[in-house]
Amino acid sequence: MYSVGDKVLFTFIGREQNGVVTENLTGGKFKVKGDNGTKYTIFGKEPVIRNGSKVEKPLGVIIKKL
């Protein structure tokens, strides 16, 4: 999916930003350093509801690789 060093377009609290993936975490999450220097922990894609489990909307999601 995404690798460390990939440049990505992502959203955080509804705002689109550019950044670089700095770490690959478990559970489909990534650490991304935004162009403004802030570090974010975000999902690689929108979580899917399975077996009726309630999933909260994530604060941030990677939109695409640049």
C-alpha atoms as a PDB file:
ATOM      1  CA  MET A   1       0.000   0.000   0.000  1.00  0.00           C
ATOM      2  CA  TYR A   2       2.224   2.873   1.245  1.00  0.00           C
ATOM      3  CA  SER A   3       5.903   2.750   2.182  1.00  0.00           C
ATOM      4  CA  VAL A   4       8.139   4.902   4.333  1.00  0.00           C
ATOM      5  CA  GLY A   5       9.270   7.887   2.268  1.00  0.00           C
ATOM      6  CA  ASP A   6       6.174   8.019   0.035  1.00  0.00           C
ATOM      7  CA  LYS A   7       4.778  11.501  -0.583  1.00  0.00           C
ATOM      8  CA  VAL A   8       1.026  11.492   0.010  1.00  0.00           C
ATOM      9  CA  LEU A   9      -2.048  13.688  -0.041  1.00  0.00           C
ATOM     10  CA  PHE A  10      -4.094  13.213   3.126  1.00  0.00           C
ATOM     11  CA  THR A  11      -6.903  14.777   5.109  1.00  0.00           C
ATOM     12  CA  PHE A  12      -6.838  15.670   8.773  1.00  0.00           C
ATOM     13  CA  ILE A  13     -10.020  17.034  10.320  1.00  0.00           C
ATOM     14  CA  GLY A  14     -11.396  17.681   6.832  1.00  0.00           C
ATOM     15  CA  ARG A  15      -8.412  19.681   5.559  1.00  0.00           C
ATOM     16  CA  GLU A  16      -6.288  18.353   2.686  1.00  0.00           C
ATOM     17  CA  GLN A  17      -2.525  18.441   3.197  1.00  0.00           C
ATOM     18  CA  ASN A  18       0.656  17.048   1.678  1.00  0.00           C
ATOM     19  CA  GLY A  19       3.171  15.023   3.647  1.00  0.00           C
ATOM     20  CA  VAL A  20       5.616  12.127   3.775  1.00  0.00           C
ATOM     21  CA  VAL A  21       5.004   8.700   5.361  1.00  0.00           C
ATOM     22  CA  THR A  22       7.516   8.305   8.204  1.00  0.00           C
ATOM     23  CA  GLU A  23       6.337   5.055   9.789  1.00  0.00           C
ATOM     24  CA  ASN A  24       4.083   2.086   8.989  1.00  0.00           C
ATOM     25  CA  LEU A  25       1.978   1.069  12.028  1.00  0.00           C
ATOM     26  CA  THR A  26      -0.259  -1.960  12.601  1.00  0.00           C
ATOM     27  CA  GLY A  27      -3.974  -1.857  11.887  1.00  0.00           C
ATOM     28  CA  GLY A  28      -3.685   0.045   8.602  1.00  0.00           C
ATOM     29  CA  LYS A  29      -2.359   3.202  10.259  1.00  0.00           C
ATOM     30  CA  PHE A  30       0.581   5.351   9.255  1.00  0.00           C
ATOM     31  CA  LYS A  31       2.589   8.172  10.773  1.00  0.00           C
ATOM     32  CA  VAL A  32       2.827  11.072   8.349  1.00  0.00           C
ATOM     33  CA  LYS A  33       4.875  14.248   8.655  1.00  0.00           C
ATOM     34  CA  GLY A  34       3.021  17.134   7.040  1.00  0.00           C
ATOM     35  CA  ASP A  35       4.739  19.812   4.973  1.00  0.00           C
ATOM     36  CA  ASN A  36       4.203  22.157   7.933  1.00  0.00           C
ATOM     37  CA  GLY A  37       6.320  19.864  10.166  1.00  0.00           C
ATOM     38  CA  THR A  38       3.434  18.438  12.218  1.00  0.00           C
ATOM     39  CA  LYS A  39       3.326  14.654  12.702  1.00  0.00           C
ATOM     40  CA  TYR A  40      -0.013  12.845  12.300  1.00  0.00           C
ATOM     41  CA  THR A  41      -1.204   9.277  12.926  1.00  0.00           C
ATOM     42  CA  ILE A  42      -3.755   8.495  10.232  1.00  0.00           C
ATOM     43  CA  PHE A  43      -5.430   5.598   8.416  1.00  0.00           C
ATOM     44  CA  GLY A  44      -4.335   4.344   4.994  1.00  0.00           C
ATOM     45  CA  LYS A  45      -8.025   4.177   3.962  1.00  0.00           C
ATOM     46  CA  GLU A  46     -11.475   4.636   5.490  1.00  0.00           C
ATOM     47  CA  PRO A  47     -12.199   1.864   8.044  1.00  0.00           C
ATOM     48  CA  VAL A  48     -14.938  -0.581   7.035  1.00  0.00           C
ATOM     49  CA  ILE A  49     -17.820  -1.581   9.323  1.00  0.00           C
ATOM     50  CA  ARG A  50     -17.786  -5.355   9.775  1.00  0.00           C
ATOM     51  CA  ASN A  51     -20.293  -7.568  11.592  1.00  0.00           C
ATOM     52  CA  GLY A  52     -22.241  -4.544  12.762  1.00  0.00           C
ATOM     53  CA  SER A  53     -19.316  -3.179  14.802  1.00  0.00           C
ATOM     54  CA  LYS A  54     -19.453   0.568  15.205  1.00  0.00           C
ATOM     55  CA  VAL A  55     -16.392   2.306  13.772  1.00  0.00           C
ATOM     56  CA  GLU A  56     -15.817   5.972  14.535  1.00  0.00           C
ATOM     57  CA  LYS A  57     -14.916   8.255  11.662  1.00  0.00           C
ATOM     58  CA  PRO A  58     -11.134   8.700  11.681  1.00  0.00           C
ATOM     59  CA  LEU A  59      -9.545  12.125  12.094  1.00  0.00           C
ATOM     60  CA  GLY A  60      -7.243  11.536   9.133  1.00  0.00           C
ATOM     61  CA  VAL A  61      -7.071   9.380   6.015  1.00  0.00           C
ATOM     62  CA  ILE A  62      -4.528   9.114   3.177  1.00  0.00           C
ATOM     63  CA  ILE A  63      -6.217  10.053  -0.093  1.00  0.00           C
ATOM     64  CA  LYS A  64      -3.515   9.123  -2.608  1.00  0.00           C
ATOM     65  CA  LYS A  65       0.190   8.760  -3.277  1.00  0.00           C
ATOM     66  CA  LEU A  66       1.782  11.739  -5.045  1.00  0.00           C
END
